[in-house]
Amino acid sequence: TLPWTEQFLAQEFRHVILGHDVRDREAYRAASRRG
């Protein structure tokens, strides 16, 4: 029951998680979300 669309999550996964090679929760908390 998330407030975001599947499009938003797919882009977050693509641009931030995979884009910055984020491997865990702590790294994601600190990750840059430029763009």
PDB file of all heavy atoms in Angstrom:
ATOM      1  N   THR A   1       0.838  -1.219   0.000  1.00  0.00           N
ATOM      2  CA  THR A   1       0.000   0.000   0.000  1.00  0.00           C
ATOM      3  C   THR A   1       0.867   1.261   0.000  1.00  0.00           C
ATOM      4  O   THR A   1       0.766   2.126   0.879  1.00  0.00           O
ATOM      5  CB  THR A   1      -0.969   0.014   1.200  1.00  0.00           C
ATOM      6  OG1 THR A   1      -0.206  -0.031   2.428  1.00  0.00           O
ATOM      7  CG2 THR A   1      -1.929  -1.156   1.138  1.00  0.00           C
ATOM      8  N   LEU A   2       1.717   1.356  -1.011  1.00  0.00           N
ATOM      9  CA  LEU A   2       2.656   2.479  -1.118  1.00  0.00           C
ATOM     10  C   LEU A   2       1.995   3.681  -1.793  1.00  0.00           C
ATOM     11  O   LEU A   2       1.096   3.525  -2.626  1.00  0.00           O
ATOM     12  CB  LEU A   2       3.885   2.057  -1.917  1.00  0.00           C
ATOM     13  CG  LEU A   2       4.714   0.921  -1.303  1.00  0.00           C
ATOM     14  CD1 LEU A   2       5.819   0.494  -2.256  1.00  0.00           C
ATOM     15  CD2 LEU A   2       5.303   1.364   0.035  1.00  0.00           C
ATOM     16  N   PRO A   3       2.441   4.884  -1.466  1.00  0.00           N
ATOM     17  CA  PRO A   3       1.846   6.092  -2.060  1.00  0.00           C
ATOM     18  C   PRO A   3       2.400   6.418  -3.445  1.00  0.00           C
ATOM     19  O   PRO A   3       1.998   7.422  -4.044  1.00  0.00           O
ATOM     20  CB  PRO A   3       2.230   7.186  -1.049  1.00  0.00           C
ATOM     21  CG  PRO A   3       3.535   6.719  -0.478  1.00  0.00           C
ATOM     22  CD  PRO A   3       3.428   5.213  -0.404  1.00  0.00           C
ATOM     23  N   TRP A   4       3.339   5.630  -3.950  1.00  0.00           N
ATOM     24  CA  TRP A   4       3.985   5.940  -5.235  1.00  0.00           C
ATOM     25  C   TRP A   4       3.458   5.027  -6.344  1.00  0.00           C
ATOM     26  O   TRP A   4       2.935   3.940  -6.078  1.00  0.00           O
ATOM     27  CB  TRP A   4       5.509   5.768  -5.115  1.00  0.00           C
ATOM     28  CG  TRP A   4       6.098   6.598  -4.022  1.00  0.00           C
ATOM     29  CD1 TRP A   4       6.216   7.957  -3.984  1.00  0.00           C
ATOM     30  CD2 TRP A   4       6.641   6.126  -2.786  1.00  0.00           C
ATOM     31  NE1 TRP A   4       6.806   8.365  -2.817  1.00  0.00           N
ATOM     32  CE2 TRP A   4       7.077   7.256  -2.053  1.00  0.00           C
ATOM     33  CE3 TRP A   4       6.801   4.860  -2.207  1.00  0.00           C
ATOM     34  CZ2 TRP A   4       7.670   7.154  -0.796  1.00  0.00           C
ATOM     35  CZ3 TRP A   4       7.384   4.749  -0.967  1.00  0.00           C
ATOM     36  CH2 TRP A   4       7.814   5.890  -0.268  1.00  0.00           C
ATOM     37  N   THR A   5       3.645   5.459  -7.573  1.00  0.00           N
ATOM     38  CA  THR A   5       3.246   4.642  -8.721  1.00  0.00           C
ATOM     39  C   THR A   5       4.351   3.638  -9.040  1.00  0.00           C
ATOM     40  O   THR A   5       5.500   3.787  -8.614  1.00  0.00           O
ATOM     41  CB  THR A   5       3.021   5.514  -9.962  1.00  0.00           C
ATOM     42  OG1 THR A   5       4.266   6.119 -10.334  1.00  0.00           O
ATOM     43  CG2 THR A   5       1.987   6.602  -9.692  1.00  0.00           C
ATOM     44  N   GLU A   6       3.995   2.593  -9.793  1.00  0.00           N
ATOM     45  CA  GLU A   6       5.007   1.625 -10.219  1.00  0.00           C
ATOM     46  C   GLU A   6       6.059   2.288 -11.110  1.00  0.00           C
ATOM     47  O   GLU A   6       7.220   1.888 -11.121  1.00  0.00           O
ATOM     48  CB  GLU A   6       4.359   0.448 -10.953  1.00  0.00           C
ATOM     49  CG  GLU A   6       3.745   0.757 -12.303  1.00  0.00           C
ATOM     50  CD  GLU A   6       2.303   1.206 -12.198  1.00  0.00           C
ATOM     51  OE1 GLU A   6       1.827   1.455 -11.058  1.00  0.00           O
ATOM     52  OE2 GLU A   6       1.656   1.303 -13.254  1.00  0.00           O
ATOM     53  N   GLN A   7       5.656   3.339 -11.855  1.00  0.00           N
ATOM     54  CA  GLN A   7       6.600   4.050 -12.710  1.00  0.00           C
ATOM     55  C   GLN A   7       7.667   4.743 -11.861  1.00  0.00           C
ATOM     56  O   GLN A   7       8.865   4.682 -12.169  1.00  0.00           O
ATOM     57  CB  GLN A   7       5.858   5.079 -13.571  1.00  0.00           C
ATOM     58  CG  GLN A   7       6.741   5.781 -14.595  1.00  0.00           C
ATOM     59  CD  GLN A   7       5.934   6.759 -15.434  1.00  0.00           C
ATOM     60  OE1 GLN A   7       4.933   7.318 -14.977  1.00  0.00           O
ATOM     61  NE2 GLN A   7       6.350   6.951 -16.669  1.00  0.00           N
ATOM     62  N   PHE A   8       7.232   5.365 -10.759  1.00  0.00           N
ATOM     63  CA  PHE A   8       8.173   6.046  -9.871  1.00  0.00           C
ATOM     64  C   PHE A   8       9.160   5.044  -9.274  1.00  0.00           C
ATOM     65  O   PHE A   8      10.372   5.295  -9.232  1.00  0.00           O
ATOM     66  CB  PHE A   8       7.407   6.760  -8.754  1.00  0.00           C
ATOM     67  CG  PHE A   8       8.302   7.363  -7.704  1.00  0.00           C
ATOM     68  CD1 PHE A   8       8.829   8.638  -7.860  1.00  0.00           C
ATOM     69  CD2 PHE A   8       8.632   6.653  -6.546  1.00  0.00           C
ATOM     70  CE1 PHE A   8       9.666   9.185  -6.899  1.00  0.00           C
ATOM     71  CE2 PHE A   8       9.471   7.193  -5.577  1.00  0.00           C
ATOM     72  CZ  PHE A   8       9.984   8.466  -5.757  1.00  0.00           C
ATOM     73  N   LEU A   9       8.666   3.904  -8.807  1.00  0.00           N
ATOM     74  CA  LEU A   9       9.545   2.917  -8.179  1.00  0.00           C
ATOM     75  C   LEU A   9      10.521   2.307  -9.192  1.00  0.00           C
ATOM     76  O   LEU A   9      11.697   2.084  -8.874  1.00  0.00           O
ATOM     77  CB  LEU A   9       8.712   1.814  -7.537  1.00  0.00           C
ATOM     78  CG  LEU A   9       7.921   2.222  -6.286  1.00  0.00           C
ATOM     79  CD1 LEU A   9       7.018   1.080  -5.840  1.00  0.00           C
ATOM     80  CD2 LEU A   9       8.860   2.627  -5.153  1.00  0.00           C
ATOM     81  N   ALA A  10      10.042   2.056 -10.413  1.00  0.00           N
ATOM     82  CA  ALA A  10      10.925   1.512 -11.439  1.00  0.00           C
ATOM     83  C   ALA A  10      12.059   2.485 -11.744  1.00  0.00           C
ATOM     84  O   ALA A  10      13.221   2.088 -11.915  1.00  0.00           O
ATOM     85  CB  ALA A  10      10.127   1.200 -12.706  1.00  0.00           C
ATOM     86  N   GLN A  11      11.731   3.767 -11.795  1.00  0.00           N
ATOM     87  CA  GLN A  11      12.758   4.772 -12.072  1.00  0.00           C
ATOM     88  C   GLN A  11      13.717   4.936 -10.887  1.00  0.00           C
ATOM     89  O   GLN A  11      14.921   5.129 -11.071  1.00  0.00           O
ATOM     90  CB  GLN A  11      12.097   6.110 -12.409  1.00  0.00           C
ATOM     91  CG  GLN A  11      11.395   6.095 -13.756  1.00  0.00           C
ATOM     92  CD  GLN A  11      10.509   7.301 -13.958  1.00  0.00           C
ATOM     93  OE1 GLN A  11      10.200   8.035 -13.014  1.00  0.00           O
ATOM     94  NE2 GLN A  11      10.063   7.498 -15.190  1.00  0.00           N
ATOM     95  N   GLU A  12      13.196   4.852  -9.664  1.00  0.00           N
ATOM     96  CA  GLU A  12      14.059   4.938  -8.483  1.00  0.00           C
ATOM     97  C   GLU A  12      15.039   3.756  -8.460  1.00  0.00           C
ATOM     98  O   GLU A  12      16.224   3.916  -8.145  1.00  0.00           O
ATOM     99  CB  GLU A  12      13.200   4.940  -7.213  1.00  0.00           C
ATOM    100  CG  GLU A  12      13.979   5.206  -5.929  1.00  0.00           C
ATOM    101  CD  GLU A  12      14.358   6.674  -5.741  1.00  0.00           C
ATOM    102  OE1 GLU A  12      13.951   7.523  -6.577  1.00  0.00           O
ATOM    103  OE2 GLU A  12      15.072   6.981  -4.759  1.00  0.00           O
ATOM    104  N   PHE A  13      14.544   2.591  -8.813  1.00  0.00           N
ATOM    105  CA  PHE A  13      15.389   1.397  -8.861  1.00  0.00           C
ATOM    106  C   PHE A  13      16.463   1.551  -9.942  1.00  0.00           C
ATOM    107  O   PHE A  13      17.638   1.234  -9.718  1.00  0.00           O
ATOM    108  CB  PHE A  13      14.518   0.175  -9.138  1.00  0.00           C
ATOM    109  CG  PHE A  13      15.255  -1.135  -9.098  1.00  0.00           C
ATOM    110  CD1 PHE A  13      15.875  -1.581  -7.936  1.00  0.00           C
ATOM    111  CD2 PHE A  13      15.342  -1.934 -10.229  1.00  0.00           C
ATOM    112  CE1 PHE A  13      16.558  -2.792  -7.899  1.00  0.00           C
ATOM    113  CE2 PHE A  13      16.014  -3.156 -10.202  1.00  0.00           C
ATOM    114  CZ  PHE A  13      16.629  -3.580  -9.033  1.00  0.00           C
ATOM    115  N   ARG A  14      16.064   2.067 -11.091  1.00  0.00           N
ATOM    116  CA  ARG A  14      16.978   2.211 -12.222  1.00  0.00           C
ATOM    117  C   ARG A  14      18.028   3.295 -11.974  1.00  0.00           C
ATOM    118  O   ARG A  14      19.227   3.070 -12.142  1.00  0.00           O
ATOM    119  CB  ARG A  14      16.176   2.549 -13.494  1.00  0.00           C
ATOM    120  CG  ARG A  14      17.031   2.849 -14.718  1.00  0.00           C
ATOM    121  CD  ARG A  14      16.157   3.301 -15.890  1.00  0.00           C
ATOM    122  NE  ARG A  14      16.972   3.678 -17.027  1.00  0.00           N
ATOM    123  CZ  ARG A  14      17.371   2.847 -17.987  1.00  0.00           C
ATOM    124  NH1 ARG A  14      17.019   1.574 -17.930  1.00  0.00           N
ATOM    125  NH2 ARG A  14      18.107   3.277 -18.989  1.00  0.00           N
ATOM    126  N   HIS A  15      17.574   4.486 -11.570  1.00  0.00           N
ATOM    127  CA  HIS A  15      18.470   5.639 -11.508  1.00  0.00           C
ATOM    128  C   HIS A  15      19.274   5.727 -10.214  1.00  0.00           C
ATOM    129  O   HIS A  15      20.405   6.213 -10.226  1.00  0.00           O
ATOM    130  CB  HIS A  15      17.672   6.942 -11.685  1.00  0.00           C
ATOM    131  CG  HIS A  15      17.012   7.062 -13.016  1.00  0.00           C
ATOM    132  ND1 HIS A  15      17.672   6.832 -14.200  1.00  0.00           N
ATOM    133  CD2 HIS A  15      15.731   7.371 -13.357  1.00  0.00           C
ATOM    134  CE1 HIS A  15      16.838   7.014 -15.215  1.00  0.00           C
ATOM    135  NE2 HIS A  15      15.657   7.327 -14.723  1.00  0.00           N
ATOM    136  N   VAL A  16      18.700   5.264  -9.122  1.00  0.00           N
ATOM    137  CA  VAL A  16      19.379   5.414  -7.831  1.00  0.00           C
ATOM    138  C   VAL A  16      19.994   4.092  -7.360  1.00  0.00           C
ATOM    139  O   VAL A  16      21.203   4.005  -7.133  1.00  0.00           O
ATOM    140  CB  VAL A  16      18.413   5.973  -6.761  1.00  0.00           C
ATOM    141  CG1 VAL A  16      19.156   6.174  -5.438  1.00  0.00           C
ATOM    142  CG2 VAL A  16      17.813   7.302  -7.232  1.00  0.00           C
ATOM    143  N   ILE A  17      19.180   3.061  -7.227  1.00  0.00           N
ATOM    144  CA  ILE A  17      19.669   1.779  -6.689  1.00  0.00           C
ATOM    145  C   ILE A  17      20.733   1.173  -7.616  1.00  0.00           C
ATOM    146  O   ILE A  17      21.877   0.939  -7.206  1.00  0.00           O
ATOM    147  CB  ILE A  17      18.508   0.775  -6.498  1.00  0.00           C
ATOM    148  CG1 ILE A  17      17.364   1.400  -5.689  1.00  0.00           C
ATOM    149  CG2 ILE A  17      19.038  -0.504  -5.842  1.00  0.00           C
ATOM    150  CD1 ILE A  17      17.704   1.799  -4.293  1.00  0.00           C
ATOM    151  N   LEU A  18      20.335   0.928  -8.866  1.00  0.00           N
ATOM    152  CA  LEU A  18      21.291   0.342  -9.811  1.00  0.00           C
ATOM    153  C   LEU A  18      22.278   1.384 -10.328  1.00  0.00           C
ATOM    154  O   LEU A  18      23.443   1.070 -10.589  1.00  0.00           O
ATOM    155  CB  LEU A  18      20.542  -0.292 -10.986  1.00  0.00           C
ATOM    156  CG  LEU A  18      19.683  -1.518 -10.654  1.00  0.00           C
ATOM    157  CD1 LEU A  18      18.895  -1.972 -11.880  1.00  0.00           C
ATOM    158  CD2 LEU A  18      20.555  -2.659 -10.138  1.00  0.00           C
ATOM    159  N   GLY A  19      21.812   2.624 -10.484  1.00  0.00           N
ATOM    160  CA  GLY A  19      22.686   3.676 -10.997  1.00  0.00           C
ATOM    161  C   GLY A  19      23.880   3.936 -10.100  1.00  0.00           C
ATOM    162  O   GLY A  19      24.996   4.181 -10.581  1.00  0.00           O
ATOM    163  N   HIS A  20      23.668   3.877  -8.791  1.00  0.00           N
ATOM    164  CA  HIS A  20      24.755   4.132  -7.832  1.00  0.00           C
ATOM    165  C   HIS A  20      25.267   2.848  -7.186  1.00  0.00           C
ATOM    166  O   HIS A  20      26.027   2.916  -6.213  1.00  0.00           O
ATOM    167  CB  HIS A  20      24.279   5.119  -6.760  1.00  0.00           C
ATOM    168  CG  HIS A  20      23.987   6.499  -7.294  1.00  0.00           C
ATOM    169  ND1 HIS A  20      24.977   7.416  -7.559  1.00  0.00           N
ATOM    170  CD2 HIS A  20      22.815   7.086  -7.630  1.00  0.00           C
ATOM    171  CE1 HIS A  20      24.427   8.533  -8.032  1.00  0.00           C
ATOM    172  NE2 HIS A  20      23.119   8.362  -8.087  1.00  0.00           N
ATOM    173  N   ASP A  21      24.826   1.719  -7.698  1.00  0.00           N
ATOM    174  CA  ASP A  21      25.280   0.413  -7.204  1.00  0.00           C
ATOM    175  C   ASP A  21      25.023   0.283  -5.697  1.00  0.00           C
ATOM    176  O   ASP A  21      25.890  -0.143  -4.920  1.00  0.00           O
ATOM    177  CB  ASP A  21      26.774   0.220  -7.514  1.00  0.00           C
ATOM    178  CG  ASP A  21      27.195  -1.240  -7.421  1.00  0.00           C
ATOM    179  OD1 ASP A  21      26.318  -2.116  -7.550  1.00  0.00           O
ATOM    180  OD2 ASP A  21      28.393  -1.505  -7.203  1.00  0.00           O
ATOM    181  N   VAL A  22      23.812   0.640  -5.289  1.00  0.00           N
ATOM    182  CA  VAL A  22      23.427   0.585  -3.878  1.00  0.00           C
ATOM    183  C   VAL A  22      23.136  -0.868  -3.496  1.00  0.00           C
ATOM    184  O   VAL A  22      22.337  -1.536  -4.161  1.00  0.00           O
ATOM    185  CB  VAL A  22      22.192   1.471  -3.624  1.00  0.00           C
ATOM    186  CG1 VAL A  22      21.688   1.292  -2.204  1.00  0.00           C
ATOM    187  CG2 VAL A  22      22.532   2.939  -3.896  1.00  0.00           C
ATOM    188  N   ARG A  23      23.760  -1.322  -2.391  1.00  0.00           N
ATOM    189  CA  ARG A  23      23.630  -2.741  -2.032  1.00  0.00           C
ATOM    190  C   ARG A  23      22.809  -2.993  -0.765  1.00  0.00           C
ATOM    191  O   ARG A  23      22.392  -4.123  -0.531  1.00  0.00           O
ATOM    192  CB  ARG A  23      25.024  -3.358  -1.838  1.00  0.00           C
ATOM    193  CG  ARG A  23      25.982  -3.201  -3.018  1.00  0.00           C
ATOM    194  CD  ARG A  23      25.561  -4.040  -4.199  1.00  0.00           C
ATOM    195  NE  ARG A  23      26.466  -3.917  -5.331  1.00  0.00           N
ATOM    196  CZ  ARG A  23      27.387  -4.809  -5.665  1.00  0.00           C
ATOM    197  NH1 ARG A  23      27.545  -5.905  -4.953  1.00  0.00           N
ATOM    198  NH2 ARG A  23      28.149  -4.618  -6.728  1.00  0.00           N
ATOM    199  N   ASP A  24      22.601  -1.968   0.081  1.00  0.00           N
ATOM    200  CA  ASP A  24      21.852  -2.213   1.323  1.00  0.00           C
ATOM    201  C   ASP A  24      21.094  -0.960   1.735  1.00  0.00           C
ATOM    202  O   ASP A  24      21.231   0.108   1.153  1.00  0.00           O
ATOM    203  CB  ASP A  24      22.790  -2.675   2.448  1.00  0.00           C
ATOM    204  CG  ASP A  24      23.942  -1.720   2.689  1.00  0.00           C
ATOM    205  OD1 ASP A  24      23.700  -0.487   2.805  1.00  0.00           O
ATOM    206  OD2 ASP A  24      25.107  -2.174   2.746  1.00  0.00           O
ATOM    207  N   ARG A  25      20.285  -1.121   2.785  1.00  0.00           N
ATOM    208  CA  ARG A  25      19.424  -0.043   3.251  1.00  0.00           C
ATOM    209  C   ARG A  25      20.218   1.198   3.666  1.00  0.00           C
ATOM    210  O   ARG A  25      19.854   2.329   3.341  1.00  0.00           O
ATOM    211  CB  ARG A  25      18.561  -0.535   4.420  1.00  0.00           C
ATOM    212  CG  ARG A  25      17.499   0.467   4.888  1.00  0.00           C
ATOM    213  CD  ARG A  25      16.840  -0.026   6.169  1.00  0.00           C
ATOM    214  NE  ARG A  25      16.192  -1.322   5.968  1.00  0.00           N
ATOM    215  CZ  ARG A  25      14.898  -1.474   5.681  1.00  0.00           C
ATOM    216  NH1 ARG A  25      14.119  -0.414   5.576  1.00  0.00           N
ATOM    217  NH2 ARG A  25      14.383  -2.681   5.528  1.00  0.00           N
ATOM    218  N   GLU A  26      21.308   0.996   4.400  1.00  0.00           N
ATOM    219  CA  GLU A  26      22.099   2.135   4.869  1.00  0.00           C
ATOM    220  C   GLU A  26      22.689   2.908   3.698  1.00  0.00           C
ATOM    221  O   GLU A  26      22.735   4.146   3.702  1.00  0.00           O
ATOM    222  CB  GLU A  26      23.210   1.654   5.811  1.00  0.00           C
ATOM    223  CG  GLU A  26      22.713   1.108   7.141  1.00  0.00           C
ATOM    224  CD  GLU A  26      21.853   2.126   7.880  1.00  0.00           C
ATOM    225  OE1 GLU A  26      22.256   3.323   7.935  1.00  0.00           O
ATOM    226  OE2 GLU A  26      20.791   1.738   8.385  1.00  0.00           O
ATOM    227  N   ALA A  27      23.168   2.190   2.694  1.00  0.00           N
ATOM    228  CA  ALA A  27      23.729   2.862   1.525  1.00  0.00           C
ATOM    229  C   ALA A  27      22.647   3.649   0.791  1.00  0.00           C
ATOM    230  O   ALA A  27      22.890   4.745   0.271  1.00  0.00           O
ATOM    231  CB  ALA A  27      24.368   1.842   0.590  1.00  0.00           C
ATOM    232  N   TYR A  28      21.437   3.125   0.752  1.00  0.00           N
ATOM    233  CA  TYR A  28      20.354   3.835   0.082  1.00  0.00           C
ATOM    234  C   TYR A  28      19.972   5.097   0.847  1.00  0.00           C
ATOM    235  O   TYR A  28      19.662   6.131   0.235  1.00  0.00           O
ATOM    236  CB  TYR A  28      19.143   2.921  -0.081  1.00  0.00           C
ATOM    237  CG  TYR A  28      17.963   3.603  -0.735  1.00  0.00           C
ATOM    238  CD1 TYR A  28      18.093   4.208  -1.984  1.00  0.00           C
ATOM    239  CD2 TYR A  28      16.726   3.663  -0.103  1.00  0.00           C
ATOM    240  CE1 TYR A  28      17.018   4.855  -2.582  1.00  0.00           C
ATOM    241  CE2 TYR A  28      15.642   4.297  -0.689  1.00  0.00           C
ATOM    242  CZ  TYR A  28      15.800   4.899  -1.931  1.00  0.00           C
ATOM    243  OH  TYR A  28      14.743   5.545  -2.522  1.00  0.00           O
ATOM    244  N   ARG A  29      19.988   5.021   2.172  1.00  0.00           N
ATOM    245  CA  ARG A  29      19.681   6.218   2.967  1.00  0.00           C
ATOM    246  C   ARG A  29      20.638   7.367   2.654  1.00  0.00           C
ATOM    247  O   ARG A  29      20.263   8.540   2.692  1.00  0.00           O
ATOM    248  CB  ARG A  29      19.749   5.893   4.460  1.00  0.00           C
ATOM    249  CG  ARG A  29      18.560   5.109   4.996  1.00  0.00           C
ATOM    250  CD  ARG A  29      18.778   4.768   6.450  1.00  0.00           C
ATOM    251  NE  ARG A  29      17.613   4.109   7.052  1.00  0.00           N
ATOM    252  CZ  ARG A  29      17.607   3.590   8.269  1.00  0.00           C
ATOM    253  NH1 ARG A  29      18.710   3.629   9.020  1.00  0.00           N
ATOM    254  NH2 ARG A  29      16.518   3.022   8.736  1.00  0.00           N
ATOM    255  N   ALA A  30      21.900   7.011   2.336  1.00  0.00           N
ATOM    256  CA  ALA A  30      22.925   8.033   2.086  1.00  0.00           C
ATOM    257  C   ALA A  30      23.097   8.356   0.606  1.00  0.00           C
ATOM    258  O   ALA A  30      23.847   9.266   0.252  1.00  0.00           O
ATOM    259  CB  ALA A  30      24.262   7.562   2.663  1.00  0.00           C
ATOM    260  N   ALA A  31      22.418   7.637  -0.258  1.00  0.00           N
ATOM    261  CA  ALA A  31      22.660   7.767  -1.701  1.00  0.00           C
ATOM    262  C   ALA A  31      22.177   9.103  -2.247  1.00  0.00           C
ATOM    263  O   ALA A  31      21.155   9.647  -1.819  1.00  0.00           O
ATOM    264  CB  ALA A  31      21.960   6.630  -2.438  1.00  0.00           C
ATOM    265  N   SER A  32      22.919   9.625  -3.213  1.00  0.00           N
ATOM    266  CA  SER A  32      22.502  10.838  -3.924  1.00  0.00           C
ATOM    267  C   SER A  32      21.332  10.509  -4.837  1.00  0.00           C
ATOM    268  O   SER A  32      21.320   9.468  -5.495  1.00  0.00           O
ATOM    269  CB  SER A  32      23.662  11.379  -4.752  1.00  0.00           C
ATOM    270  OG  SER A  32      23.210  12.370  -5.662  1.00  0.00           O
ATOM    271  N   ARG A  33      20.364  11.399  -4.857  1.00  0.00           N
ATOM    272  CA  ARG A  33      19.219  11.229  -5.750  1.00  0.00           C
ATOM    273  C   ARG A  33      19.189  12.366  -6.771  1.00  0.00           C
ATOM    274  O   ARG A  33      18.140  12.847  -7.173  1.00  0.00           O
ATOM    275  CB  ARG A  33      17.920  11.161  -4.960  1.00  0.00           C
ATOM    276  CG  ARG A  33      17.833   9.959  -4.014  1.00  0.00           C
ATOM    277  CD  ARG A  33      16.508   9.904  -3.271  1.00  0.00           C
ATOM    278  NE  ARG A  33      15.386   9.605  -4.145  1.00  0.00           N
ATOM    279  CZ  ARG A  33      14.472  10.489  -4.523  1.00  0.00           C
ATOM    280  NH1 ARG A  33      14.563  11.766  -4.112  1.00  0.00           N
ATOM    281  NH2 ARG A  33      13.486  10.148  -5.314  1.00  0.00           N
ATOM    282  N   ARG A  34      20.373  12.780  -7.210  1.00  0.00           N
ATOM    283  CA  ARG A  34      20.487  13.861  -8.197  1.00  0.00           C
ATOM    284  C   ARG A  34      19.657  13.524  -9.441  1.00  0.00           C
ATOM    285  O   ARG A  34      19.739  12.424  -9.976  1.00  0.00           O
ATOM    286  CB  ARG A  34      21.948  14.052  -8.595  1.00  0.00           C
ATOM    287  CG  ARG A  34      22.175  15.065  -9.722  1.00  0.00           C
ATOM    288  CD  ARG A  34      23.656  15.194 -10.023  1.00  0.00           C
ATOM    289  NE  ARG A  34      23.880  16.021 -11.193  1.00  0.00           N
ATOM    290  CZ  ARG A  34      24.054  15.546 -12.422  1.00  0.00           C
ATOM    291  NH1 ARG A  34      24.021  14.238 -12.635  1.00  0.00           N
ATOM    292  NH2 ARG A  34      24.266  16.357 -13.430  1.00  0.00           N
ATOM    293  N   GLY A  35      18.843  14.497  -9.876  1.00  0.00           N
ATOM    294  CA  GLY A  35      18.004  14.284 -11.046  1.00  0.00           C
ATOM    295  C   GLY A  35      16.609  13.803 -10.721  1.00  0.00           C
ATOM    296  O   GLY A  35      15.752  13.750 -11.607  1.00  0.00           O
TER     297      GLY A  35
END
